Amino acid sequence: MSGKRTLDGYFKPTQRKELPPEPSDPACSHSAYPFPVPQLPVSIRNALGFSPAAEGKAINDKADLDLVYFQSYIPKVIERDLFVFLRKELFFYRVQYKIRRGPVETEVNTPRWTTVFGVDESSFFSEDSDLLDSKSKSPIPPDRYKCRPRPLPRCLEFLRRITESSTGCAFNFCLVNYYASGDDSISFHSDDERFLGHEPAIASFSLGARRDFLMKHKPIAPSTDHRSMEAKPLKLSLASGDMILMRGSTQSKWLHSIPKRKGGEGDKGRINITFRKALVKEGTENYYRYNVGCGSPHRWDETTEMMVSLSVDRTPGPQSGVTSVS
């Protein structure tokens, strides 16, 4: 976390600092993008300038927990428009990967759509989107990464800068999850990887369907602080436009999840945007492996109201039920 702020400064709505004007080019392109990503519409950009829309509430009355909960951060007048825009204009993946537990290797099918942008502190993107070494300012060695890092498109970069301004934290990665239905979920986990450093700050936005956000304290040895053993689980019902800032010892001591949800709003779709800061190249490799993988990109199709592969033939015929936007 960077940029010390007073306690009150975390909780009060703050109008964003003056930001550079957006370029006139309507879309953001990069060699690692399967298609150009448009800028945010002017109406959304203007409304985001007044984020956060409400004061952040501190949730730190449980052992080792340090949250700031904004209800809401994204102004209500644009939260639905922002959800629709991002679902339509970003590309997503259904990542499959294998994990080994002892002698057993298991294939995991990620139960949600994912995508990621950014690069760790050892590198940075120039104004021309070239990847340069942070120390030498020269092009990085071709073998630094096994993946293909890509810069944040301007629509997410705009939100990142506003989030940094209002939280006093620095971020270089943006992970986006799309939960297409109540069957999509994420199991209990913590974002405490070493490449995030000590006590990382993570800003997590919700857009679209309301979903439960569950937290529970990690198991501890009986001989340690009994306060931790008394930390009751926490459930937050996250509405569209809400944001949770997780910081301090939250990641090292607590687990969080989005469980499956039957009925209610679950099948209307939910987007989760998280900003975080990776310090070393292992973080870049990790995020692209588990959020891009090696499968084909997909894009939201408004006609079928489904994610559609960009690599499947759309030509009418025996497979006319299979669609693509290629």
C-alpha atoms as a PDB file:
ATOM      1  CA  MET A   1       0.000   0.000   0.000  1.00  0.00           C
ATOM      2  CA  SER A   2       1.309   3.450  -0.827  1.00  0.00           C
ATOM      3  CA  GLY A   3       0.333   7.006   0.026  1.00  0.00           C
ATOM      4  CA  LYS A   4      -0.541   7.380   3.712  1.00  0.00           C
ATOM      5  CA  ARG A   5      -4.012   8.796   4.367  1.00  0.00           C
ATOM      6  CA  THR A   6      -5.849   9.753   7.517  1.00  0.00           C
ATOM      7  CA  LEU A   7      -8.447   7.353   8.873  1.00  0.00           C
ATOM      8  CA  ASP A   8     -11.291   9.706   7.907  1.00  0.00           C
ATOM      9  CA  GLY A   9      -9.876   9.966   4.411  1.00  0.00           C
ATOM     10  CA  TYR A  10     -10.599   6.321   3.741  1.00  0.00           C
ATOM     11  CA  PHE A  11     -14.259   6.586   4.574  1.00  0.00           C
ATOM     12  CA  LYS A  12     -15.432   9.877   3.085  1.00  0.00           C
ATOM     13  CA  PRO A  13     -16.541  10.162  -0.544  1.00  0.00           C
ATOM     14  CA  THR A  14     -13.848  11.970  -2.465  1.00  0.00           C
ATOM     15  CA  GLN A  15     -14.113  13.522  -5.864  1.00  0.00           C
ATOM     16  CA  ARG A  16     -11.305  12.181  -8.032  1.00  0.00           C
ATOM     17  CA  LYS A  17      -8.203  14.247  -8.714  1.00  0.00           C
ATOM     18  CA  GLU A  18      -8.048  15.975 -12.068  1.00  0.00           C
ATOM     19  CA  LEU A  19      -7.221  13.319 -14.649  1.00  0.00           C
ATOM     20  CA  PRO A  20      -5.658  13.812 -18.078  1.00  0.00           C
ATOM     21  CA  PRO A  21      -8.229  14.118 -20.863  1.00  0.00           C
ATOM     22  CA  GLU A  22      -9.083  10.880 -22.624  1.00  0.00           C
ATOM     23  CA  PRO A  23      -7.697  10.429 -26.151  1.00  0.00           C
ATOM     24  CA  SER A  24     -10.128  10.915 -29.024  1.00  0.00           C
ATOM     25  CA  ASP A  25      -9.435   7.417 -30.392  1.00  0.00           C
ATOM     26  CA  PRO A  26     -12.620   5.465 -29.574  1.00  0.00           C
ATOM     27  CA  ALA A  27     -10.904   2.111 -28.984  1.00  0.00           C
ATOM     28  CA  CYS A  28      -7.796   0.674 -27.330  1.00  0.00           C
ATOM     29  CA  SER A  29      -5.775  -1.851 -29.336  1.00  0.00           C
ATOM     30  CA  HIS A  30      -2.857  -4.109 -28.450  1.00  0.00           C
ATOM     31  CA  SER A  31      -1.232  -7.105 -30.106  1.00  0.00           C
ATOM     32  CA  ALA A  32      -2.374  -9.304 -27.189  1.00  0.00           C
ATOM     33  CA  TYR A  33      -6.016  -8.200 -27.513  1.00  0.00           C
ATOM     34  CA  PRO A  34      -8.216 -10.367 -29.753  1.00  0.00           C
ATOM     35  CA  PHE A  35     -10.114  -7.195 -30.719  1.00  0.00           C
ATOM     36  CA  PRO A  36     -10.024  -3.464 -29.825  1.00  0.00           C
ATOM     37  CA  VAL A  37     -11.691  -2.422 -26.572  1.00  0.00           C
ATOM     38  CA  PRO A  38     -13.651   0.868 -26.682  1.00  0.00           C
ATOM     39  CA  GLN A  39     -13.317   3.678 -24.210  1.00  0.00           C
ATOM     40  CA  LEU A  40     -16.035   4.268 -21.654  1.00  0.00           C
ATOM     41  CA  PRO A  41     -18.938   6.344 -22.921  1.00  0.00           C
ATOM     42  CA  VAL A  42     -18.714   9.987 -21.852  1.00  0.00           C
ATOM     43  CA  SER A  43     -21.773   9.653 -19.597  1.00  0.00           C
ATOM     44  CA  ILE A  44     -20.098   6.864 -17.600  1.00  0.00           C
ATOM     45  CA  ARG A  45     -16.748   8.651 -17.373  1.00  0.00           C
ATOM     46  CA  ASN A  46     -18.374  11.841 -16.134  1.00  0.00           C
ATOM     47  CA  ALA A  47     -20.393  10.042 -13.451  1.00  0.00           C
ATOM     48  CA  LEU A  48     -17.370   8.032 -12.277  1.00  0.00           C
ATOM     49  CA  GLY A  49     -15.662  11.325 -11.559  1.00  0.00           C
ATOM     50  CA  PHE A  50     -17.808  11.574  -8.423  1.00  0.00           C
ATOM     51  CA  SER A  51     -16.873   8.155  -7.031  1.00  0.00           C
ATOM     52  CA  PRO A  52     -17.078   6.907  -4.373  1.00  0.00           C
ATOM     53  CA  ALA A  53     -20.797   7.583  -4.246  1.00  0.00           C
ATOM     54  CA  ALA A  54     -21.077   6.860  -0.504  1.00  0.00           C
ATOM     55  CA  GLU A  55     -18.883   6.791   2.574  1.00  0.00           C
ATOM     56  CA  GLY A  56     -16.877   3.654   3.201  1.00  0.00           C
ATOM     57  CA  LYS A  57     -17.771   1.691   6.321  1.00  0.00           C
ATOM     58  CA  ALA A  58     -14.931   0.168   8.328  1.00  0.00           C
ATOM     59  CA  ILE A  59     -15.380  -3.507   9.191  1.00  0.00           C
ATOM     60  CA  ASN A  60     -12.621  -4.308  11.654  1.00  0.00           C
ATOM     61  CA  ASP A  61     -14.523  -5.630  14.666  1.00  0.00           C
ATOM     62  CA  LYS A  62     -13.345  -9.201  14.090  1.00  0.00           C
ATOM     63  CA  ALA A  63      -9.863 -10.531  14.760  1.00  0.00           C
ATOM     64  CA  ASP A  64      -7.381  -9.917  11.935  1.00  0.00           C
ATOM     65  CA  LEU A  65     -10.048  -8.400   9.658  1.00  0.00           C
ATOM     66  CA  ASP A  66      -9.538  -5.012   7.992  1.00  0.00           C
ATOM     67  CA  LEU A  67     -12.156  -4.019   5.389  1.00  0.00           C
ATOM     68  CA  VAL A  68     -13.662  -0.822   4.064  1.00  0.00           C
ATOM     69  CA  TYR A  69     -17.111  -1.458   2.548  1.00  0.00           C
ATOM     70  CA  PHE A  70     -18.512   1.102   0.093  1.00  0.00           C
ATOM     71  CA  GLN A  71     -22.306   0.906  -0.445  1.00  0.00           C
ATOM     72  CA  SER A  72     -22.067   1.998  -3.113  1.00  0.00           C
ATOM     73  CA  TYR A  73     -18.888   3.140  -4.826  1.00  0.00           C
ATOM     74  CA  ILE A  74     -20.140   3.275  -8.430  1.00  0.00           C
ATOM     75  CA  PRO A  75     -22.950   5.878  -8.732  1.00  0.00           C
ATOM     76  CA  LYS A  76     -26.371   4.265  -9.136  1.00  0.00           C
ATOM     77  CA  VAL A  77     -27.132   6.258 -12.276  1.00  0.00           C
ATOM     78  CA  ILE A  78     -24.434   4.370 -14.225  1.00  0.00           C
ATOM     79  CA  GLU A  79     -23.818   1.057 -12.462  1.00  0.00           C
ATOM     80  CA  ARG A  80     -26.102  -0.872 -14.844  1.00  0.00           C
ATOM     81  CA  ASP A  81     -24.659   0.863 -17.907  1.00  0.00           C
ATOM     82  CA  LEU A  82     -21.126   0.050 -16.758  1.00  0.00           C
ATOM     83  CA  PHE A  83     -22.037  -3.608 -16.259  1.00  0.00           C
ATOM     84  CA  VAL A  84     -23.595  -3.858 -19.727  1.00  0.00           C
ATOM     85  CA  PHE A  85     -20.639  -2.075 -21.333  1.00  0.00           C
ATOM     86  CA  LEU A  86     -17.959  -4.276 -19.755  1.00  0.00           C
ATOM     87  CA  ARG A  87     -19.804  -7.528 -20.428  1.00  0.00           C
ATOM     88  CA  LYS A  88     -20.222  -6.569 -24.075  1.00  0.00           C
ATOM     89  CA  GLU A  89     -16.813  -5.005 -24.783  1.00  0.00           C
ATOM     90  CA  LEU A  90     -14.296  -7.147 -22.854  1.00  0.00           C
ATOM     91  CA  PHE A  91     -13.090 -10.617 -23.848  1.00  0.00           C
ATOM     92  CA  PHE A  92     -13.262 -13.538 -21.439  1.00  0.00           C
ATOM     93  CA  TYR A  93     -11.964 -17.105 -21.056  1.00  0.00           C
ATOM     94  CA  ARG A  94     -13.139 -20.376 -19.515  1.00  0.00           C
ATOM     95  CA  VAL A  95      -9.807 -21.510 -18.131  1.00  0.00           C
ATOM     96  CA  GLN A  96      -8.906 -25.161 -17.627  1.00  0.00           C
ATOM     97  CA  TYR A  97      -5.787 -26.178 -15.744  1.00  0.00           C
ATOM     98  CA  LYS A  98      -4.326 -29.158 -13.920  1.00  0.00           C
ATOM     99  CA  ILE A  99      -3.290 -29.293 -10.279  1.00  0.00           C
ATOM    100  CA  ARG A 100      -1.413 -32.058  -8.495  1.00  0.00           C
ATOM    101  CA  ARG A 101      -2.168 -33.097  -4.943  1.00  0.00           C
ATOM    102  CA  GLY A 102       0.372 -35.769  -4.076  1.00  0.00           C
ATOM    103  CA  PRO A 103       0.319 -38.457  -6.772  1.00  0.00           C
ATOM    104  CA  VAL A 104      -3.101 -37.377  -8.101  1.00  0.00           C
ATOM    105  CA  GLU A 105      -3.445 -34.889 -10.964  1.00  0.00           C
ATOM    106  CA  THR A 106      -6.828 -33.228 -11.374  1.00  0.00           C
ATOM    107  CA  GLU A 107      -8.161 -31.055 -14.191  1.00  0.00           C
ATOM    108  CA  VAL A 108     -10.002 -27.976 -12.981  1.00  0.00           C
ATOM    109  CA  ASN A 109     -12.651 -26.194 -15.046  1.00  0.00           C
ATOM    110  CA  THR A 110     -12.930 -22.645 -13.757  1.00  0.00           C
ATOM    111  CA  PRO A 111     -16.624 -22.140 -12.826  1.00  0.00           C
ATOM    112  CA  ARG A 112     -16.785 -18.546 -14.129  1.00  0.00           C
ATOM    113  CA  TRP A 113     -15.493 -16.433 -17.011  1.00  0.00           C
ATOM    114  CA  THR A 114     -12.185 -14.646 -16.422  1.00  0.00           C
ATOM    115  CA  THR A 115      -9.817 -12.147 -17.989  1.00  0.00           C
ATOM    116  CA  VAL A 116      -6.801 -10.158 -16.766  1.00  0.00           C
ATOM    117  CA  PHE A 117      -4.710  -7.110 -17.640  1.00  0.00           C
ATOM    118  CA  GLY A 118      -1.466  -5.664 -16.279  1.00  0.00           C
ATOM    119  CA  VAL A 119       2.118  -6.529 -15.457  1.00  0.00           C
ATOM    120  CA  ASP A 120       4.208  -6.704 -12.269  1.00  0.00           C
ATOM    121  CA  GLU A 121       6.577  -4.028 -10.970  1.00  0.00           C
ATOM    122  CA  SER A 122       9.628  -5.376 -12.823  1.00  0.00           C
ATOM    123  CA  SER A 123       8.135  -4.140 -16.114  1.00  0.00           C
ATOM    124  CA  PHE A 124       5.850  -1.411 -17.399  1.00  0.00           C
ATOM    125  CA  PHE A 125       4.022  -0.441 -20.551  1.00  0.00           C
ATOM    126  CA  SER A 126       5.183   2.621 -22.454  1.00  0.00           C
ATOM    127  CA  GLU A 127       2.726   5.125 -23.928  1.00  0.00           C
ATOM    128  CA  ASP A 128       2.926   3.066 -27.116  1.00  0.00           C
ATOM    129  CA  SER A 129       2.104  -0.115 -25.125  1.00  0.00           C
ATOM    130  CA  ASP A 130       5.615  -1.540 -25.509  1.00  0.00           C
ATOM    131  CA  LEU A 131       6.765  -3.633 -22.544  1.00  0.00           C
ATOM    132  CA  LEU A 132       9.873  -2.117 -20.943  1.00  0.00           C
ATOM    133  CA  ASP A 133      12.141  -3.039 -18.041  1.00  0.00           C
ATOM    134  CA  SER A 134      11.431  -0.881 -14.980  1.00  0.00           C
ATOM    135  CA  LYS A 135      15.100  -0.272 -14.196  1.00  0.00           C
ATOM    136  CA  SER A 136      16.745   0.069 -17.608  1.00  0.00           C
ATOM    137  CA  LYS A 137      13.692   1.514 -19.426  1.00  0.00           C
ATOM    138  CA  SER A 138      14.700  -0.748 -22.328  1.00  0.00           C
ATOM    139  CA  PRO A 139      12.600  -3.484 -23.987  1.00  0.00           C
ATOM    140  CA  ILE A 140      12.363  -6.537 -21.742  1.00  0.00           C
ATOM    141  CA  PRO A 141      14.244  -9.744 -22.655  1.00  0.00           C
ATOM    142  CA  PRO A 142      12.042 -11.938 -24.862  1.00  0.00           C
ATOM    143  CA  ASP A 143      12.219 -14.809 -22.354  1.00  0.00           C
ATOM    144  CA  ARG A 144      11.121 -12.839 -19.270  1.00  0.00           C
ATOM    145  CA  TYR A 145       7.532 -14.067 -19.485  1.00  0.00           C
ATOM    146  CA  LYS A 146       6.005 -17.282 -20.758  1.00  0.00           C
ATOM    147  CA  CYS A 147       2.679 -15.442 -21.101  1.00  0.00           C
ATOM    148  CA  ARG A 148       1.771 -12.311 -23.062  1.00  0.00           C
ATOM    149  CA  PRO A 149       1.125  -9.448 -20.645  1.00  0.00           C
ATOM    150  CA  ARG A 150      -1.203  -6.754 -21.908  1.00  0.00           C
ATOM    151  CA  PRO A 151      -1.977  -3.245 -20.662  1.00  0.00           C
ATOM    152  CA  LEU A 152      -5.253  -2.242 -19.095  1.00  0.00           C
ATOM    153  CA  PRO A 153      -7.653  -0.920 -21.736  1.00  0.00           C
ATOM    154  CA  ARG A 154      -8.609   2.692 -21.138  1.00  0.00           C
ATOM    155  CA  CYS A 155     -12.032   1.751 -19.770  1.00  0.00           C
ATOM    156  CA  LEU A 156     -10.401  -0.143 -16.868  1.00  0.00           C
ATOM    157  CA  GLU A 157      -7.439   2.213 -16.566  1.00  0.00           C
ATOM    158  CA  PHE A 158      -9.897   5.050 -15.922  1.00  0.00           C
ATOM    159  CA  LEU A 159     -11.469   3.123 -13.023  1.00  0.00           C
ATOM    160  CA  ARG A 160      -8.046   2.095 -11.703  1.00  0.00           C
ATOM    161  CA  ARG A 161      -6.853   5.687 -11.412  1.00  0.00           C
ATOM    162  CA  ILE A 162     -10.026   6.753  -9.620  1.00  0.00           C
ATOM    163  CA  THR A 163      -9.698   3.820  -7.214  1.00  0.00           C
ATOM    164  CA  GLU A 164      -6.076   4.667  -6.452  1.00  0.00           C
ATOM    165  CA  SER A 165      -7.020   8.280  -5.784  1.00  0.00           C
ATOM    166  CA  SER A 166      -9.817   7.401  -3.349  1.00  0.00           C
ATOM    167  CA  THR A 167      -8.001   4.629  -1.455  1.00  0.00           C
ATOM    168  CA  GLY A 168      -4.389   5.801  -1.399  1.00  0.00           C
ATOM    169  CA  CYS A 169      -3.321   2.376  -2.738  1.00  0.00           C
ATOM    170  CA  ALA A 170      -1.328   1.546  -5.881  1.00  0.00           C
ATOM    171  CA  PHE A 171      -2.428  -1.144  -8.341  1.00  0.00           C
ATOM    172  CA  ASN A 172      -0.865  -2.636 -11.481  1.00  0.00           C
ATOM    173  CA  PHE A 173      -3.221  -5.554 -12.182  1.00  0.00           C
ATOM    174  CA  CYS A 174      -6.907  -5.814 -12.990  1.00  0.00           C
ATOM    175  CA  LEU A 175      -8.702  -9.186 -12.824  1.00  0.00           C
ATOM    176  CA  VAL A 176     -12.265  -9.381 -14.137  1.00  0.00           C
ATOM    177  CA  ASN A 177     -14.641 -12.280 -13.415  1.00  0.00           C
ATOM    178  CA  TYR A 178     -18.023 -12.767 -15.049  1.00  0.00           C
ATOM    179  CA  TYR A 179     -20.495 -15.002 -13.193  1.00  0.00           C
ATOM    180  CA  ALA A 180     -22.968 -15.890 -15.950  1.00  0.00           C
ATOM    181  CA  SER A 181     -25.464 -17.614 -13.662  1.00  0.00           C
ATOM    182  CA  GLY A 182     -26.024 -18.748 -10.114  1.00  0.00           C
ATOM    183  CA  ASP A 183     -24.039 -21.900 -10.947  1.00  0.00           C
ATOM    184  CA  ASP A 184     -20.848 -19.865 -11.404  1.00  0.00           C
ATOM    185  CA  SER A 185     -18.871 -19.417  -8.222  1.00  0.00           C
ATOM    186  CA  ILE A 186     -15.475 -19.183  -6.553  1.00  0.00           C
ATOM    187  CA  SER A 187     -14.555 -21.397  -3.618  1.00  0.00           C
ATOM    188  CA  PHE A 188     -13.000 -20.260  -0.343  1.00  0.00           C
ATOM    189  CA  HIS A 189      -9.509 -18.882  -0.934  1.00  0.00           C
ATOM    190  CA  SER A 190      -7.230 -16.023   0.039  1.00  0.00           C
ATOM    191  CA  ASP A 191      -5.120 -13.737  -2.125  1.00  0.00           C
ATOM    192  CA  ASP A 192      -2.019 -14.054   0.015  1.00  0.00           C
ATOM    193  CA  GLU A 193       0.492 -15.120  -2.638  1.00  0.00           C
ATOM    194  CA  ARG A 194       4.066 -14.011  -1.957  1.00  0.00           C
ATOM    195  CA  PHE A 195       4.188 -11.974  -5.146  1.00  0.00           C
ATOM    196  CA  LEU A 196       1.616  -9.570  -3.660  1.00  0.00           C
ATOM    197  CA  GLY A 197       3.916  -8.707  -0.764  1.00  0.00           C
ATOM    198  CA  HIS A 198       3.119  -8.211   2.919  1.00  0.00           C
ATOM    199  CA  GLU A 199      -0.465  -7.221   3.793  1.00  0.00           C
ATOM    200  CA  PRO A 200      -1.640  -6.472   0.238  1.00  0.00           C
ATOM    201  CA  ALA A 201      -4.540  -4.156  -0.535  1.00  0.00           C
ATOM    202  CA  ILE A 202      -7.174  -5.437  -2.979  1.00  0.00           C
ATOM    203  CA  ALA A 203     -10.103  -3.357  -4.230  1.00  0.00           C
ATOM    204  CA  SER A 204     -13.033  -5.547  -5.315  1.00  0.00           C
ATOM    205  CA  PHE A 205     -16.008  -4.110  -7.278  1.00  0.00           C
ATOM    206  CA  SER A 206     -19.390  -5.761  -7.884  1.00  0.00           C
ATOM    207  CA  LEU A 207     -21.628  -5.023 -10.877  1.00  0.00           C
ATOM    208  CA  GLY A 208     -24.855  -6.715 -11.962  1.00  0.00           C
ATOM    209  CA  ALA A 209     -26.612  -9.378  -9.909  1.00  0.00           C
ATOM    210  CA  ARG A 210     -26.519  -9.258  -6.125  1.00  0.00           C
ATOM    211  CA  ARG A 211     -24.420 -12.140  -4.758  1.00  0.00           C
ATOM    212  CA  ASP A 212     -23.342 -13.236  -1.288  1.00  0.00           C
ATOM    213  CA  PHE A 213     -19.722 -12.653  -0.292  1.00  0.00           C
ATOM    214  CA  LEU A 214     -18.699 -15.056   2.476  1.00  0.00           C
ATOM    215  CA  MET A 215     -15.643 -14.752   4.714  1.00  0.00           C
ATOM    216  CA  LYS A 216     -14.281 -17.043   7.415  1.00  0.00           C
ATOM    217  CA  HIS A 217     -11.132 -17.010   9.510  1.00  0.00           C
ATOM    218  CA  LYS A 218      -8.411 -19.456   8.525  1.00  0.00           C
ATOM    219  CA  PRO A 219      -7.851 -22.412  10.886  1.00  0.00           C
ATOM    220  CA  ILE A 220      -5.373 -21.660  13.642  1.00  0.00           C
ATOM    221  CA  ALA A 221      -3.457 -23.695  16.177  1.00  0.00           C
ATOM    222  CA  PRO A 222      -5.178 -23.956  19.607  1.00  0.00           C
ATOM    223  CA  SER A 223      -2.188 -22.418  21.369  1.00  0.00           C
ATOM    224  CA  THR A 224      -2.411 -19.071  19.535  1.00  0.00           C
ATOM    225  CA  ASP A 225      -4.531 -16.007  20.193  1.00  0.00           C
ATOM    226  CA  HIS A 226      -8.023 -17.089  21.278  1.00  0.00           C
ATOM    227  CA  ARG A 227      -9.552 -13.960  19.728  1.00  0.00           C
ATOM    228  CA  SER A 228      -9.013 -15.477  16.287  1.00  0.00           C
ATOM    229  CA  MET A 229     -10.846 -18.634  17.315  1.00  0.00           C
ATOM    230  CA  GLU A 230     -13.835 -16.491  18.266  1.00  0.00           C
ATOM    231  CA  ALA A 231     -13.984 -14.677  14.903  1.00  0.00           C
ATOM    232  CA  LYS A 232     -17.406 -15.509  13.511  1.00  0.00           C
ATOM    233  CA  PRO A 233     -17.918 -15.894   9.743  1.00  0.00           C
ATOM    234  CA  LEU A 234     -19.055 -12.822   7.836  1.00  0.00           C
ATOM    235  CA  LYS A 235     -21.629 -12.577   5.031  1.00  0.00           C
ATOM    236  CA  LEU A 236     -22.083  -9.476   2.894  1.00  0.00           C
ATOM    237  CA  SER A 237     -24.806  -9.250   0.250  1.00  0.00           C
ATOM    238  CA  LEU A 238     -22.972  -7.330  -2.480  1.00  0.00           C
ATOM    239  CA  ALA A 239     -25.159  -5.143  -4.671  1.00  0.00           C
ATOM    240  CA  SER A 240     -24.295  -3.665  -8.049  1.00  0.00           C
ATOM    241  CA  GLY A 241     -21.895  -0.749  -7.576  1.00  0.00           C
ATOM    242  CA  ASP A 242     -20.526  -1.893  -4.202  1.00  0.00           C
ATOM    243  CA  MET A 243     -16.789  -2.071  -3.517  1.00  0.00           C
ATOM    244  CA  ILE A 244     -14.820  -3.793  -0.763  1.00  0.00           C
ATOM    245  CA  LEU A 245     -11.273  -2.705   0.039  1.00  0.00           C
ATOM    246  CA  MET A 246      -9.478  -5.626   1.708  1.00  0.00           C
ATOM    247  CA  ARG A 247      -6.207  -4.712   3.416  1.00  0.00           C
ATOM    248  CA  GLY A 248      -3.963  -5.359   6.411  1.00  0.00           C
ATOM    249  CA  SER A 249      -3.910  -8.964   7.624  1.00  0.00           C
ATOM    250  CA  THR A 250      -7.199  -9.850   5.886  1.00  0.00           C
ATOM    251  CA  GLN A 251      -5.612 -11.984   3.153  1.00  0.00           C
ATOM    252  CA  SER A 252      -3.183 -13.784   5.445  1.00  0.00           C
ATOM    253  CA  LYS A 253      -5.803 -14.609   8.089  1.00  0.00           C
ATOM    254  CA  TRP A 254      -9.153 -14.867   6.283  1.00  0.00           C
ATOM    255  CA  LEU A 255     -10.723 -16.793   3.380  1.00  0.00           C
ATOM    256  CA  HIS A 256     -13.461 -15.486   1.091  1.00  0.00           C
ATOM    257  CA  SER A 257     -15.819 -16.973  -1.502  1.00  0.00           C
ATOM    258  CA  ILE A 258     -18.798 -16.380  -3.795  1.00  0.00           C
ATOM    259  CA  PRO A 259     -21.001 -19.502  -3.410  1.00  0.00           C
ATOM    260  CA  LYS A 260     -23.447 -20.836  -5.969  1.00  0.00           C
ATOM    261  CA  ARG A 261     -26.870 -19.249  -5.776  1.00  0.00           C
ATOM    262  CA  LYS A 262     -30.166 -20.730  -6.904  1.00  0.00           C
ATOM    263  CA  GLY A 263     -32.970 -18.357  -7.743  1.00  0.00           C
ATOM    264  CA  GLY A 264     -33.035 -14.647  -7.065  1.00  0.00           C
ATOM    265  CA  GLU A 265     -30.764 -12.462  -9.162  1.00  0.00           C
ATOM    266  CA  GLY A 266     -28.065 -15.081  -9.688  1.00  0.00           C
ATOM    267  CA  ASP A 267     -28.946 -15.862 -13.309  1.00  0.00           C
ATOM    268  CA  LYS A 268     -28.851 -12.210 -14.380  1.00  0.00           C
ATOM    269  CA  GLY A 269     -25.037 -12.190 -14.443  1.00  0.00           C
ATOM    270  CA  ARG A 270     -22.455 -10.512 -12.230  1.00  0.00           C
ATOM    271  CA  ILE A 271     -19.107  -8.858 -12.985  1.00  0.00           C
ATOM    272  CA  ASN A 272     -16.382  -8.637 -10.343  1.00  0.00           C
ATOM    273  CA  ILE A 273     -13.422  -6.311 -10.932  1.00  0.00           C
ATOM    274  CA  THR A 274     -10.414  -6.529  -8.630  1.00  0.00           C
ATOM    275  CA  PHE A 275      -7.389  -4.262  -8.592  1.00  0.00           C
ATOM    276  CA  ARG A 276      -4.182  -5.465  -6.959  1.00  0.00           C
ATOM    277  CA  LYS A 277      -0.407  -4.978  -7.087  1.00  0.00           C
ATOM    278  CA  ALA A 278       2.039  -7.738  -8.091  1.00  0.00           C
ATOM    279  CA  LEU A 279       5.674  -7.148  -7.205  1.00  0.00           C
ATOM    280  CA  VAL A 280       7.597  -9.746  -9.249  1.00  0.00           C
ATOM    281  CA  LYS A 281       7.250 -11.655 -12.523  1.00  0.00           C
ATOM    282  CA  GLU A 282       5.883 -14.765 -10.775  1.00  0.00           C
ATOM    283  CA  GLY A 283       2.721 -12.758 -10.170  1.00  0.00           C
ATOM    284  CA  THR A 284       2.347 -11.991 -13.858  1.00  0.00           C
ATOM    285  CA  GLU A 285       2.831 -15.651 -14.798  1.00  0.00           C
ATOM    286  CA  ASN A 286       0.294 -16.741 -12.164  1.00  0.00           C
ATOM    287  CA  TYR A 287      -2.442 -14.314 -13.141  1.00  0.00           C
ATOM    288  CA  TYR A 288      -2.255 -15.026 -16.853  1.00  0.00           C
ATOM    289  CA  ARG A 289      -2.101 -18.778 -16.339  1.00  0.00           C
ATOM    290  CA  TYR A 290      -5.232 -18.906 -14.206  1.00  0.00           C
ATOM    291  CA  ASN A 291      -7.238 -16.140 -15.901  1.00  0.00           C
ATOM    292  CA  VAL A 292      -6.328 -16.564 -19.593  1.00  0.00           C
ATOM    293  CA  GLY A 293      -4.895 -20.055 -19.961  1.00  0.00           C
ATOM    294  CA  CYS A 294      -4.522 -21.497 -23.459  1.00  0.00           C
ATOM    295  CA  GLY A 295      -8.148 -21.592 -24.620  1.00  0.00           C
ATOM    296  CA  SER A 296      -9.865 -19.309 -27.115  1.00  0.00           C
ATOM    297  CA  PRO A 297     -11.229 -15.892 -26.116  1.00  0.00           C
ATOM    298  CA  HIS A 298     -14.977 -15.352 -25.913  1.00  0.00           C
ATOM    299  CA  ARG A 299     -17.213 -12.331 -26.310  1.00  0.00           C
ATOM    300  CA  TRP A 300     -20.761 -11.569 -25.200  1.00  0.00           C
ATOM    301  CA  ASP A 301     -23.310 -12.017 -27.976  1.00  0.00           C
ATOM    302  CA  GLU A 302     -26.407  -9.863 -27.443  1.00  0.00           C
ATOM    303  CA  THR A 303     -28.562 -11.959 -29.774  1.00  0.00           C
ATOM    304  CA  THR A 304     -28.052 -15.274 -27.984  1.00  0.00           C
ATOM    305  CA  GLU A 305     -27.252 -13.627 -24.620  1.00  0.00           C
ATOM    306  CA  MET A 306     -24.285 -15.966 -24.210  1.00  0.00           C
ATOM    307  CA  MET A 307     -20.504 -15.866 -24.303  1.00  0.00           C
ATOM    308  CA  VAL A 308     -19.440 -16.947 -27.791  1.00  0.00           C
ATOM    309  CA  SER A 309     -16.054 -18.300 -28.876  1.00  0.00           C
ATOM    310  CA  LEU A 310     -14.093 -16.182 -31.330  1.00  0.00           C
ATOM    311  CA  SER A 311     -12.577 -19.271 -32.965  1.00  0.00           C
ATOM    312  CA  VAL A 312     -15.665 -21.309 -33.959  1.00  0.00           C
ATOM    313  CA  ASP A 313     -17.038 -21.230 -37.492  1.00  0.00           C
ATOM    314  CA  ARG A 314     -20.224 -19.211 -37.883  1.00  0.00           C
ATOM    315  CA  THR A 315     -21.014 -20.438 -41.392  1.00  0.00           C
ATOM    316  CA  PRO A 316     -24.561 -21.898 -41.672  1.00  0.00           C
ATOM    317  CA  GLY A 317     -24.655 -25.659 -42.164  1.00  0.00           C
ATOM    318  CA  PRO A 318     -24.600 -28.801 -40.040  1.00  0.00           C
ATOM    319  CA  GLN A 319     -23.140 -26.790 -37.128  1.00  0.00           C
ATOM    320  CA  SER A 320     -25.392 -23.756 -37.538  1.00  0.00           C
ATOM    321  CA  GLY A 321     -26.209 -23.847 -33.840  1.00  0.00           C
ATOM    322  CA  VAL A 322     -22.558 -23.026 -33.029  1.00  0.00           C
ATOM    323  CA  THR A 323     -21.753 -19.345 -33.261  1.00  0.00           C
ATOM    324  CA  SER A 324     -18.700 -17.134 -33.246  1.00  0.00           C
ATOM    325  CA  VAL A 325     -17.928 -13.488 -33.677  1.00  0.00           C
ATOM    326  CA  SER A 326     -14.817 -14.091 -35.776  1.00  0.00           C
END
